[in-house]
Each structure stands twice: as structure tokens, then as C-alpha cells.
Amino acid sequence: LLVVSELVTNVVLHSSSAEVTVLVSFDGA
């Protein structure tokens, strides 16, 4: 959650994008 928060915060602060897409996955490892 810390990693995801930092990456999305960078989009909010620096990208000037209208939308952010987040894909998370788990492969067991």
C-alpha cells in the first residue's frame, strides 16, 4: 500500500493527467 500510494501520488502531483489506472496482481510469490 505504501508503494501504490507513492506511485499514485506522483501522478497526482506531477503528471497533469486526467485519469490514473491502477492494475494490481498477485501470483502467490
mmCIF file of all heavy atoms, coordinates in Angstrom:
data_MODEL
# 
_entry.id   MODEL 
# 
loop_
_atom_site.group_PDB 
_atom_site.id 
_atom_site.type_symbol 
_atom_site.label_atom_id 
_atom_site.label_alt_id 
_atom_site.label_comp_id 
_atom_site.label_asym_id 
_atom_site.label_entity_id 
_atom_site.label_seq_id 
_atom_site.pdbx_PDB_ins_code 
_atom_site.Cartn_x 
_atom_site.Cartn_y 
_atom_site.Cartn_z 
_atom_site.occupancy 
_atom_site.B_iso_or_equiv 
_atom_site.pdbx_formal_charge 
_atom_site.auth_seq_id 
_atom_site.auth_comp_id 
_atom_site.auth_asym_id 
_atom_site.auth_atom_id 
_atom_site.pdbx_PDB_model_num 
ATOM 1   N N   . LEU A 1 1  ? 0.827   -1.210  0.000   1.00 0.00 ? 1  LEU A N   1 
ATOM 2   C CA  . LEU A 1 1  ? 0.000   0.000   0.000   1.00 0.00 ? 1  LEU A CA  1 
ATOM 3   C C   . LEU A 1 1  ? 0.859   1.256   0.000   1.00 0.00 ? 1  LEU A C   1 
ATOM 4   O O   . LEU A 1 1  ? 0.503   2.253   -0.635  1.00 0.00 ? 1  LEU A O   1 
ATOM 5   C CB  . LEU A 1 1  ? -0.951  -0.003  1.188   1.00 0.00 ? 1  LEU A CB  1 
ATOM 6   C CG  . LEU A 1 1  ? -2.098  -0.993  1.098   1.00 0.00 ? 1  LEU A CG  1 
ATOM 7   C CD1 . LEU A 1 1  ? -2.847  -1.062  2.422   1.00 0.00 ? 1  LEU A CD1 1 
ATOM 8   C CD2 . LEU A 1 1  ? -3.037  -0.645  -0.039  1.00 0.00 ? 1  LEU A CD2 1 
ATOM 9   N N   . LEU A 1 2  ? 1.991   1.236   0.672   1.00 0.00 ? 2  LEU A N   1 
ATOM 10  C CA  . LEU A 1 2  ? 2.909   2.369   0.649   1.00 0.00 ? 2  LEU A CA  1 
ATOM 11  C C   . LEU A 1 2  ? 3.420   2.611   -0.770  1.00 0.00 ? 2  LEU A C   1 
ATOM 12  O O   . LEU A 1 2  ? 3.420   3.743   -1.253  1.00 0.00 ? 2  LEU A O   1 
ATOM 13  C CB  . LEU A 1 2  ? 4.081   2.123   1.608   1.00 0.00 ? 2  LEU A CB  1 
ATOM 14  C CG  . LEU A 1 2  ? 5.185   3.175   1.593   1.00 0.00 ? 2  LEU A CG  1 
ATOM 15  C CD1 . LEU A 1 2  ? 4.659   4.523   2.052   1.00 0.00 ? 2  LEU A CD1 1 
ATOM 16  C CD2 . LEU A 1 2  ? 6.352   2.718   2.463   1.00 0.00 ? 2  LEU A CD2 1 
ATOM 17  N N   . VAL A 1 3  ? 3.821   1.548   -1.455  1.00 0.00 ? 3  VAL A N   1 
ATOM 18  C CA  . VAL A 1 3  ? 4.312   1.663   -2.828  1.00 0.00 ? 3  VAL A CA  1 
ATOM 19  C C   . VAL A 1 3  ? 3.225   2.210   -3.747  1.00 0.00 ? 3  VAL A C   1 
ATOM 20  O O   . VAL A 1 3  ? 3.444   3.151   -4.511  1.00 0.00 ? 3  VAL A O   1 
ATOM 21  C CB  . VAL A 1 3  ? 4.839   0.298   -3.337  1.00 0.00 ? 3  VAL A CB  1 
ATOM 22  C CG1 . VAL A 1 3  ? 5.114   0.325   -4.834  1.00 0.00 ? 3  VAL A CG1 1 
ATOM 23  C CG2 . VAL A 1 3  ? 6.081   -0.108  -2.557  1.00 0.00 ? 3  VAL A CG2 1 
ATOM 24  N N   . VAL A 1 4  ? 2.039   1.638   -3.669  1.00 0.00 ? 4  VAL A N   1 
ATOM 25  C CA  . VAL A 1 4  ? 0.928   2.091   -4.511  1.00 0.00 ? 4  VAL A CA  1 
ATOM 26  C C   . VAL A 1 4  ? 0.619   3.561   -4.237  1.00 0.00 ? 4  VAL A C   1 
ATOM 27  O O   . VAL A 1 4  ? 0.458   4.357   -5.166  1.00 0.00 ? 4  VAL A O   1 
ATOM 28  C CB  . VAL A 1 4  ? -0.322  1.208   -4.295  1.00 0.00 ? 4  VAL A CB  1 
ATOM 29  C CG1 . VAL A 1 4  ? -1.530  1.799   -5.001  1.00 0.00 ? 4  VAL A CG1 1 
ATOM 30  C CG2 . VAL A 1 4  ? -0.057  -0.216  -4.768  1.00 0.00 ? 4  VAL A CG2 1 
ATOM 31  N N   . SER A 1 5  ? 0.573   3.942   -2.965  1.00 0.00 ? 5  SER A N   1 
ATOM 32  C CA  . SER A 1 5  ? 0.290   5.332   -2.598  1.00 0.00 ? 5  SER A CA  1 
ATOM 33  C C   . SER A 1 5  ? 1.324   6.285   -3.177  1.00 0.00 ? 5  SER A C   1 
ATOM 34  O O   . SER A 1 5  ? 0.981   7.353   -3.698  1.00 0.00 ? 5  SER A O   1 
ATOM 35  C CB  . SER A 1 5  ? 0.260   5.493   -1.079  1.00 0.00 ? 5  SER A CB  1 
ATOM 36  O OG  . SER A 1 5  ? -0.815  4.796   -0.527  1.00 0.00 ? 5  SER A OG  1 
ATOM 37  N N   . GLU A 1 6  ? 2.590   5.920   -3.084  1.00 0.00 ? 6  GLU A N   1 
ATOM 38  C CA  . GLU A 1 6  ? 3.647   6.789   -3.614  1.00 0.00 ? 6  GLU A CA  1 
ATOM 39  C C   . GLU A 1 6  ? 3.528   6.954   -5.122  1.00 0.00 ? 6  GLU A C   1 
ATOM 40  O O   . GLU A 1 6  ? 3.663   8.067   -5.642  1.00 0.00 ? 6  GLU A O   1 
ATOM 41  C CB  . GLU A 1 6  ? 5.024   6.228   -3.250  1.00 0.00 ? 6  GLU A CB  1 
ATOM 42  C CG  . GLU A 1 6  ? 5.359   6.343   -1.786  1.00 0.00 ? 6  GLU A CG  1 
ATOM 43  C CD  . GLU A 1 6  ? 5.415   7.782   -1.292  1.00 0.00 ? 6  GLU A CD  1 
ATOM 44  O OE1 . GLU A 1 6  ? 5.725   8.703   -2.073  1.00 0.00 ? 6  GLU A OE1 1 
ATOM 45  O OE2 . GLU A 1 6  ? 5.145   7.992   -0.103  1.00 0.00 ? 6  GLU A OE2 1 
ATOM 46  N N   . LEU A 1 7  ? 3.254   5.863   -5.824  1.00 0.00 ? 7  LEU A N   1 
ATOM 47  C CA  . LEU A 1 7  ? 3.167   5.950   -7.289  1.00 0.00 ? 7  LEU A CA  1 
ATOM 48  C C   . LEU A 1 7  ? 1.955   6.763   -7.733  1.00 0.00 ? 7  LEU A C   1 
ATOM 49  O O   . LEU A 1 7  ? 2.042   7.577   -8.657  1.00 0.00 ? 7  LEU A O   1 
ATOM 50  C CB  . LEU A 1 7  ? 3.151   4.551   -7.893  1.00 0.00 ? 7  LEU A CB  1 
ATOM 51  C CG  . LEU A 1 7  ? 4.431   3.732   -7.671  1.00 0.00 ? 7  LEU A CG  1 
ATOM 52  C CD1 . LEU A 1 7  ? 4.279   2.346   -8.281  1.00 0.00 ? 7  LEU A CD1 1 
ATOM 53  C CD2 . LEU A 1 7  ? 5.657   4.445   -8.212  1.00 0.00 ? 7  LEU A CD2 1 
ATOM 54  N N   . VAL A 1 8  ? 0.813   6.568   -7.077  1.00 0.00 ? 8  VAL A N   1 
ATOM 55  C CA  . VAL A 1 8  ? -0.384  7.327   -7.446  1.00 0.00 ? 8  VAL A CA  1 
ATOM 56  C C   . VAL A 1 8  ? -0.225  8.797   -7.040  1.00 0.00 ? 8  VAL A C   1 
ATOM 57  O O   . VAL A 1 8  ? -0.632  9.697   -7.784  1.00 0.00 ? 8  VAL A O   1 
ATOM 58  C CB  . VAL A 1 8  ? -1.656  6.692   -6.849  1.00 0.00 ? 8  VAL A CB  1 
ATOM 59  C CG1 . VAL A 1 8  ? -2.879  7.551   -7.110  1.00 0.00 ? 8  VAL A CG1 1 
ATOM 60  C CG2 . VAL A 1 8  ? -1.852  5.288   -7.428  1.00 0.00 ? 8  VAL A CG2 1 
ATOM 61  N N   . THR A 1 9  ? 0.400   9.055   -5.911  1.00 0.00 ? 9  THR A N   1 
ATOM 62  C CA  . THR A 1 9  ? 0.656   10.432  -5.502  1.00 0.00 ? 9  THR A CA  1 
ATOM 63  C C   . THR A 1 9  ? 1.528   11.144  -6.532  1.00 0.00 ? 9  THR A C   1 
ATOM 64  O O   . THR A 1 9  ? 1.295   12.321  -6.848  1.00 0.00 ? 9  THR A O   1 
ATOM 65  C CB  . THR A 1 9  ? 1.315   10.477  -4.108  1.00 0.00 ? 9  THR A CB  1 
ATOM 66  O OG1 . THR A 1 9  ? 0.401   9.925   -3.160  1.00 0.00 ? 9  THR A OG1 1 
ATOM 67  C CG2 . THR A 1 9  ? 1.679   11.896  -3.707  1.00 0.00 ? 9  THR A CG2 1 
ATOM 68  N N   . ASN A 1 10 ? 2.517   10.456  -7.084  1.00 0.00 ? 10 ASN A N   1 
ATOM 69  C CA  . ASN A 1 10 ? 3.346   11.066  -8.132  1.00 0.00 ? 10 ASN A CA  1 
ATOM 70  C C   . ASN A 1 10 ? 2.503   11.470  -9.337  1.00 0.00 ? 10 ASN A C   1 
ATOM 71  O O   . ASN A 1 10 ? 2.724   12.527  -9.935  1.00 0.00 ? 10 ASN A O   1 
ATOM 72  C CB  . ASN A 1 10 ? 4.458   10.126  -8.560  1.00 0.00 ? 10 ASN A CB  1 
ATOM 73  C CG  . ASN A 1 10 ? 5.624   10.147  -7.603  1.00 0.00 ? 10 ASN A CG  1 
ATOM 74  O OD1 . ASN A 1 10 ? 5.706   10.996  -6.718  1.00 0.00 ? 10 ASN A OD1 1 
ATOM 75  N ND2 . ASN A 1 10 ? 6.518   9.193   -7.755  1.00 0.00 ? 10 ASN A ND2 1 
ATOM 76  N N   . VAL A 1 11 ? 1.534   10.645  -9.695  1.00 0.00 ? 11 VAL A N   1 
ATOM 77  C CA  . VAL A 1 11 ? 0.644   11.000  -10.808 1.00 0.00 ? 11 VAL A CA  1 
ATOM 78  C C   . VAL A 1 11 ? -0.139  12.260  -10.456 1.00 0.00 ? 11 VAL A C   1 
ATOM 79  O O   . VAL A 1 11 ? -0.231  13.195  -11.260 1.00 0.00 ? 11 VAL A O   1 
ATOM 80  C CB  . VAL A 1 11 ? -0.309  9.834   -11.158 1.00 0.00 ? 11 VAL A CB  1 
ATOM 81  C CG1 . VAL A 1 11 ? -1.346  10.269  -12.190 1.00 0.00 ? 11 VAL A CG1 1 
ATOM 82  C CG2 . VAL A 1 11 ? 0.474   8.630   -11.664 1.00 0.00 ? 11 VAL A CG2 1 
ATOM 83  N N   . VAL A 1 12 ? -0.691  12.295  -9.250  1.00 0.00 ? 12 VAL A N   1 
ATOM 84  C CA  . VAL A 1 12 ? -1.492  13.450  -8.826  1.00 0.00 ? 12 VAL A CA  1 
ATOM 85  C C   . VAL A 1 12 ? -0.650  14.722  -8.824  1.00 0.00 ? 12 VAL A C   1 
ATOM 86  O O   . VAL A 1 12 ? -1.087  15.771  -9.300  1.00 0.00 ? 12 VAL A O   1 
ATOM 87  C CB  . VAL A 1 12 ? -2.119  13.197  -7.437  1.00 0.00 ? 12 VAL A CB  1 
ATOM 88  C CG1 . VAL A 1 12 ? -2.760  14.457  -6.883  1.00 0.00 ? 12 VAL A CG1 1 
ATOM 89  C CG2 . VAL A 1 12 ? -3.147  12.065  -7.522  1.00 0.00 ? 12 VAL A CG2 1 
ATOM 90  N N   . LEU A 1 13 ? 0.567   14.629  -8.313  1.00 0.00 ? 13 LEU A N   1 
ATOM 91  C CA  . LEU A 1 13 ? 1.400   15.824  -8.165  1.00 0.00 ? 13 LEU A CA  1 
ATOM 92  C C   . LEU A 1 13 ? 2.099   16.264  -9.444  1.00 0.00 ? 13 LEU A C   1 
ATOM 93  O O   . LEU A 1 13 ? 2.350   17.458  -9.628  1.00 0.00 ? 13 LEU A O   1 
ATOM 94  C CB  . LEU A 1 13 ? 2.462   15.593  -7.085  1.00 0.00 ? 13 LEU A CB  1 
ATOM 95  C CG  . LEU A 1 13 ? 1.961   15.438  -5.663  1.00 0.00 ? 13 LEU A CG  1 
ATOM 96  C CD1 . LEU A 1 13 ? 3.131   15.133  -4.727  1.00 0.00 ? 13 LEU A CD1 1 
ATOM 97  C CD2 . LEU A 1 13 ? 1.220   16.692  -5.213  1.00 0.00 ? 13 LEU A CD2 1 
ATOM 98  N N   . HIS A 1 14 ? 2.442   15.314  -10.321 1.00 0.00 ? 14 HIS A N   1 
ATOM 99  C CA  . HIS A 1 14 ? 3.372   15.642  -11.391 1.00 0.00 ? 14 HIS A CA  1 
ATOM 100 C C   . HIS A 1 14 ? 2.913   15.371  -12.818 1.00 0.00 ? 14 HIS A C   1 
ATOM 101 O O   . HIS A 1 14 ? 3.593   15.789  -13.747 1.00 0.00 ? 14 HIS A O   1 
ATOM 102 C CB  . HIS A 1 14 ? 4.688   14.890  -11.176 1.00 0.00 ? 14 HIS A CB  1 
ATOM 103 C CG  . HIS A 1 14 ? 5.305   15.109  -9.841  1.00 0.00 ? 14 HIS A CG  1 
ATOM 104 N ND1 . HIS A 1 14 ? 5.735   16.339  -9.412  1.00 0.00 ? 14 HIS A ND1 1 
ATOM 105 C CD2 . HIS A 1 14 ? 5.549   14.252  -8.813  1.00 0.00 ? 14 HIS A CD2 1 
ATOM 106 C CE1 . HIS A 1 14 ? 6.232   16.243  -8.192  1.00 0.00 ? 14 HIS A CE1 1 
ATOM 107 N NE2 . HIS A 1 14 ? 6.130   14.976  -7.801  1.00 0.00 ? 14 HIS A NE2 1 
ATOM 108 N N   . SER A 1 15 ? 1.806   14.689  -13.036 1.00 0.00 ? 15 SER A N   1 
ATOM 109 C CA  . SER A 1 15 ? 1.530   14.218  -14.398 1.00 0.00 ? 15 SER A CA  1 
ATOM 110 C C   . SER A 1 15 ? 0.670   15.129  -15.251 1.00 0.00 ? 15 SER A C   1 
ATOM 111 O O   . SER A 1 15 ? 0.749   15.058  -16.468 1.00 0.00 ? 15 SER A O   1 
ATOM 112 C CB  . SER A 1 15 ? 0.858   12.843  -14.357 1.00 0.00 ? 15 SER A CB  1 
ATOM 113 O OG  . SER A 1 15 ? -0.500  12.974  -13.998 1.00 0.00 ? 15 SER A OG  1 
ATOM 114 N N   . SER A 1 16 ? -0.195  15.898  -14.660 1.00 0.00 ? 16 SER A N   1 
ATOM 115 C CA  . SER A 1 16 ? -1.211  16.682  -15.373 1.00 0.00 ? 16 SER A CA  1 
ATOM 116 C C   . SER A 1 16 ? -2.161  15.793  -16.183 1.00 0.00 ? 16 SER A C   1 
ATOM 117 O O   . SER A 1 16 ? -2.815  16.245  -17.099 1.00 0.00 ? 16 SER A O   1 
ATOM 118 C CB  . SER A 1 16 ? -0.588  17.763  -16.268 1.00 0.00 ? 16 SER A CB  1 
ATOM 119 O OG  . SER A 1 16 ? 0.047   17.198  -17.398 1.00 0.00 ? 16 SER A OG  1 
ATOM 120 N N   . SER A 1 17 ? -2.242  14.523  -15.821 1.00 0.00 ? 17 SER A N   1 
ATOM 121 C CA  . SER A 1 17 ? -3.152  13.585  -16.459 1.00 0.00 ? 17 SER A CA  1 
ATOM 122 C C   . SER A 1 17 ? -4.561  13.773  -15.904 1.00 0.00 ? 17 SER A C   1 
ATOM 123 O O   . SER A 1 17 ? -4.742  14.193  -14.765 1.00 0.00 ? 17 SER A O   1 
ATOM 124 C CB  . SER A 1 17 ? -2.688  12.152  -16.195 1.00 0.00 ? 17 SER A CB  1 
ATOM 125 O OG  . SER A 1 17 ? -3.548  11.209  -16.793 1.00 0.00 ? 17 SER A OG  1 
ATOM 126 N N   . ALA A 1 18 ? -5.545  13.426  -16.695 1.00 0.00 ? 18 ALA A N   1 
ATOM 127 C CA  . ALA A 1 18 ? -6.937  13.481  -16.236 1.00 0.00 ? 18 ALA A CA  1 
ATOM 128 C C   . ALA A 1 18 ? -7.340  12.212  -15.491 1.00 0.00 ? 18 ALA A C   1 
ATOM 129 O O   . ALA A 1 18 ? -8.233  12.238  -14.649 1.00 0.00 ? 18 ALA A O   1 
ATOM 130 C CB  . ALA A 1 18 ? -7.867  13.696  -17.421 1.00 0.00 ? 18 ALA A CB  1 
ATOM 131 N N   . GLU A 1 19 ? -6.670  11.087  -15.791 1.00 0.00 ? 19 GLU A N   1 
ATOM 132 C CA  . GLU A 1 19 ? -7.056  9.801   -15.223 1.00 0.00 ? 19 GLU A CA  1 
ATOM 133 C C   . GLU A 1 19 ? -5.817  8.992   -14.859 1.00 0.00 ? 19 GLU A C   1 
ATOM 134 O O   . GLU A 1 19 ? -4.777  9.112   -15.503 1.00 0.00 ? 19 GLU A O   1 
ATOM 135 C CB  . GLU A 1 19 ? -7.897  9.019   -16.237 1.00 0.00 ? 19 GLU A CB  1 
ATOM 136 C CG  . GLU A 1 19 ? -8.438  7.706   -15.718 1.00 0.00 ? 19 GLU A CG  1 
ATOM 137 C CD  . GLU A 1 19 ? -9.324  7.012   -16.734 1.00 0.00 ? 19 GLU A CD  1 
ATOM 138 O OE1 . GLU A 1 19 ? -8.778  6.378   -17.652 1.00 0.00 ? 19 GLU A OE1 1 
ATOM 139 O OE2 . GLU A 1 19 ? -10.556 7.102   -16.592 1.00 0.00 ? 19 GLU A OE2 1 
ATOM 140 N N   . VAL A 1 20 ? -5.945  8.182   -13.829 1.00 0.00 ? 20 VAL A N   1 
ATOM 141 C CA  . VAL A 1 20 ? -4.911  7.228   -13.446 1.00 0.00 ? 20 VAL A CA  1 
ATOM 142 C C   . VAL A 1 20 ? -5.536  5.837   -13.431 1.00 0.00 ? 20 VAL A C   1 
ATOM 143 O O   . VAL A 1 20 ? -6.664  5.663   -12.973 1.00 0.00 ? 20 VAL A O   1 
ATOM 144 C CB  . VAL A 1 20 ? -4.278  7.574   -12.074 1.00 0.00 ? 20 VAL A CB  1 
ATOM 145 C CG1 . VAL A 1 20 ? -5.299  7.567   -10.955 1.00 0.00 ? 20 VAL A CG1 1 
ATOM 146 C CG2 . VAL A 1 20 ? -3.111  6.647   -11.761 1.00 0.00 ? 20 VAL A CG2 1 
ATOM 147 N N   . THR A 1 21 ? -4.811  4.873   -13.968 1.00 0.00 ? 21 THR A N   1 
ATOM 148 C CA  . THR A 1 21 ? -5.251  3.484   -13.984 1.00 0.00 ? 21 THR A CA  1 
ATOM 149 C C   . THR A 1 21 ? -4.284  2.673   -13.142 1.00 0.00 ? 21 THR A C   1 
ATOM 150 O O   . THR A 1 21 ? -3.064  2.798   -13.298 1.00 0.00 ? 21 THR A O   1 
ATOM 151 C CB  . THR A 1 21 ? -5.280  2.928   -15.422 1.00 0.00 ? 21 THR A CB  1 
ATOM 152 O OG1 . THR A 1 21 ? -6.126  3.758   -16.211 1.00 0.00 ? 21 THR A OG1 1 
ATOM 153 C CG2 . THR A 1 21 ? -5.778  1.498   -15.452 1.00 0.00 ? 21 THR A CG2 1 
ATOM 154 N N   . VAL A 1 22 ? -4.832  1.850   -12.259 1.00 0.00 ? 22 VAL A N   1 
ATOM 155 C CA  . VAL A 1 22 ? -4.018  1.027   -11.364 1.00 0.00 ? 22 VAL A CA  1 
ATOM 156 C C   . VAL A 1 22 ? -4.426  -0.430  -11.553 1.00 0.00 ? 22 VAL A C   1 
ATOM 157 O O   . VAL A 1 22 ? -5.592  -0.783  -11.372 1.00 0.00 ? 22 VAL A O   1 
ATOM 158 C CB  . VAL A 1 22 ? -4.196  1.455   -9.893  1.00 0.00 ? 22 VAL A CB  1 
ATOM 159 C CG1 . VAL A 1 22 ? -3.393  0.557   -8.970  1.00 0.00 ? 22 VAL A CG1 1 
ATOM 160 C CG2 . VAL A 1 22 ? -3.807  2.919   -9.715  1.00 0.00 ? 22 VAL A CG2 1 
ATOM 161 N N   . LEU A 1 23 ? -3.454  -1.255  -11.908 1.00 0.00 ? 23 LEU A N   1 
ATOM 162 C CA  . LEU A 1 23 ? -3.650  -2.695  -12.062 1.00 0.00 ? 23 LEU A CA  1 
ATOM 163 C C   . LEU A 1 23 ? -2.767  -3.372  -11.022 1.00 0.00 ? 23 LEU A C   1 
ATOM 164 O O   . LEU A 1 23 ? -1.555  -3.128  -10.986 1.00 0.00 ? 23 LEU A O   1 
ATOM 165 C CB  . LEU A 1 23 ? -3.240  -3.142  -13.466 1.00 0.00 ? 23 LEU A CB  1 
ATOM 166 C CG  . LEU A 1 23 ? -3.247  -4.644  -13.735 1.00 0.00 ? 23 LEU A CG  1 
ATOM 167 C CD1 . LEU A 1 23 ? -4.669  -5.183  -13.742 1.00 0.00 ? 23 LEU A CD1 1 
ATOM 168 C CD2 . LEU A 1 23 ? -2.553  -4.948  -15.051 1.00 0.00 ? 23 LEU A CD2 1 
ATOM 169 N N   . VAL A 1 24 ? -3.365  -4.182  -10.164 1.00 0.00 ? 24 VAL A N   1 
ATOM 170 C CA  . VAL A 1 24 ? -2.599  -4.938  -9.176  1.00 0.00 ? 24 VAL A CA  1 
ATOM 171 C C   . VAL A 1 24 ? -2.798  -6.421  -9.438  1.00 0.00 ? 24 VAL A C   1 
ATOM 172 O O   . VAL A 1 24 ? -3.861  -6.855  -9.892  1.00 0.00 ? 24 VAL A O   1 
ATOM 173 C CB  . VAL A 1 24 ? -2.986  -4.570  -7.722  1.00 0.00 ? 24 VAL A CB  1 
ATOM 174 C CG1 . VAL A 1 24 ? -2.578  -3.151  -7.406  1.00 0.00 ? 24 VAL A CG1 1 
ATOM 175 C CG2 . VAL A 1 24 ? -4.457  -4.775  -7.450  1.00 0.00 ? 24 VAL A CG2 1 
ATOM 176 N N   . SER A 1 25 ? -1.741  -7.176  -9.165  1.00 0.00 ? 25 SER A N   1 
ATOM 177 C CA  . SER A 1 25 ? -1.832  -8.618  -9.354  1.00 0.00 ? 25 SER A CA  1 
ATOM 178 C C   . SER A 1 25 ? -1.034  -9.328  -8.269  1.00 0.00 ? 25 SER A C   1 
ATOM 179 O O   . SER A 1 25 ? -0.131  -8.755  -7.658  1.00 0.00 ? 25 SER A O   1 
ATOM 180 C CB  . SER A 1 25 ? -1.321  -9.018  -10.746 1.00 0.00 ? 25 SER A CB  1 
ATOM 181 O OG  . SER A 1 25 ? 0.040   -8.670  -10.898 1.00 0.00 ? 25 SER A OG  1 
ATOM 182 N N   . PHE A 1 26 ? -1.404  -10.591 -8.049  1.00 0.00 ? 26 PHE A N   1 
ATOM 183 C CA  . PHE A 1 26 ? -0.759  -11.430 -7.044  1.00 0.00 ? 26 PHE A CA  1 
ATOM 184 C C   . PHE A 1 26 ? -0.582  -12.807 -7.645  1.00 0.00 ? 26 PHE A C   1 
ATOM 185 O O   . PHE A 1 26 ? -1.544  -13.427 -8.107  1.00 0.00 ? 26 PHE A O   1 
ATOM 186 C CB  . PHE A 1 26 ? -1.618  -11.490 -5.784  1.00 0.00 ? 26 PHE A CB  1 
ATOM 187 C CG  . PHE A 1 26 ? -1.055  -12.338 -4.687  1.00 0.00 ? 26 PHE A CG  1 
ATOM 188 C CD1 . PHE A 1 26 ? 0.242   -12.152 -4.227  1.00 0.00 ? 26 PHE A CD1 1 
ATOM 189 C CD2 . PHE A 1 26 ? -1.827  -13.318 -4.085  1.00 0.00 ? 26 PHE A CD2 1 
ATOM 190 C CE1 . PHE A 1 26 ? 0.757   -12.931 -3.202  1.00 0.00 ? 26 PHE A CE1 1 
ATOM 191 C CE2 . PHE A 1 26 ? -1.331  -14.095 -3.048  1.00 0.00 ? 26 PHE A CE2 1 
ATOM 192 C CZ  . PHE A 1 26 ? -0.034  -13.902 -2.612  1.00 0.00 ? 26 PHE A CZ  1 
ATOM 193 N N   . ASP A 1 27 ? 0.670   -13.289 -7.652  1.00 0.00 ? 27 ASP A N   1 
ATOM 194 C CA  . ASP A 1 27 ? 0.956   -14.607 -8.217  1.00 0.00 ? 27 ASP A CA  1 
ATOM 195 C C   . ASP A 1 27 ? 1.327   -15.634 -7.156  1.00 0.00 ? 27 ASP A C   1 
ATOM 196 O O   . ASP A 1 27 ? 1.813   -16.711 -7.483  1.00 0.00 ? 27 ASP A O   1 
ATOM 197 C CB  . ASP A 1 27 ? 2.051   -14.501 -9.277  1.00 0.00 ? 27 ASP A CB  1 
ATOM 198 C CG  . ASP A 1 27 ? 3.396   -14.062 -8.716  1.00 0.00 ? 27 ASP A CG  1 
ATOM 199 O OD1 . ASP A 1 27 ? 3.552   -13.970 -7.480  1.00 0.00 ? 27 ASP A OD1 1 
ATOM 200 O OD2 . ASP A 1 27 ? 4.309   -13.797 -9.522  1.00 0.00 ? 27 ASP A OD2 1 
ATOM 201 N N   . GLY A 1 28 ? 1.109   -15.299 -5.890  1.00 0.00 ? 28 GLY A N   1 
ATOM 202 C CA  . GLY A 1 28 ? 1.459   -16.191 -4.794  1.00 0.00 ? 28 GLY A CA  1 
ATOM 203 C C   . GLY A 1 28 ? 2.835   -15.907 -4.217  1.00 0.00 ? 28 GLY A C   1 
ATOM 204 O O   . GLY A 1 28 ? 3.091   -16.198 -3.054  1.00 0.00 ? 28 GLY A O   1 
ATOM 205 N N   . ALA A 1 29 ? 3.729   -15.346 -5.023  1.00 0.00 ? 29 ALA A N   1 
ATOM 206 C CA  . ALA A 1 29 ? 5.083   -15.046 -4.564  1.00 0.00 ? 29 ALA A CA  1 
ATOM 207 C C   . ALA A 1 29 ? 5.327   -13.544 -4.423  1.00 0.00 ? 29 ALA A C   1 
ATOM 208 O O   . ALA A 1 29 ? 6.204   -13.129 -3.677  1.00 0.00 ? 29 ALA A O   1 
ATOM 209 C CB  . ALA A 1 29 ? 6.105   -15.626 -5.535  1.00 0.00 ? 29 ALA A CB  1 
# 
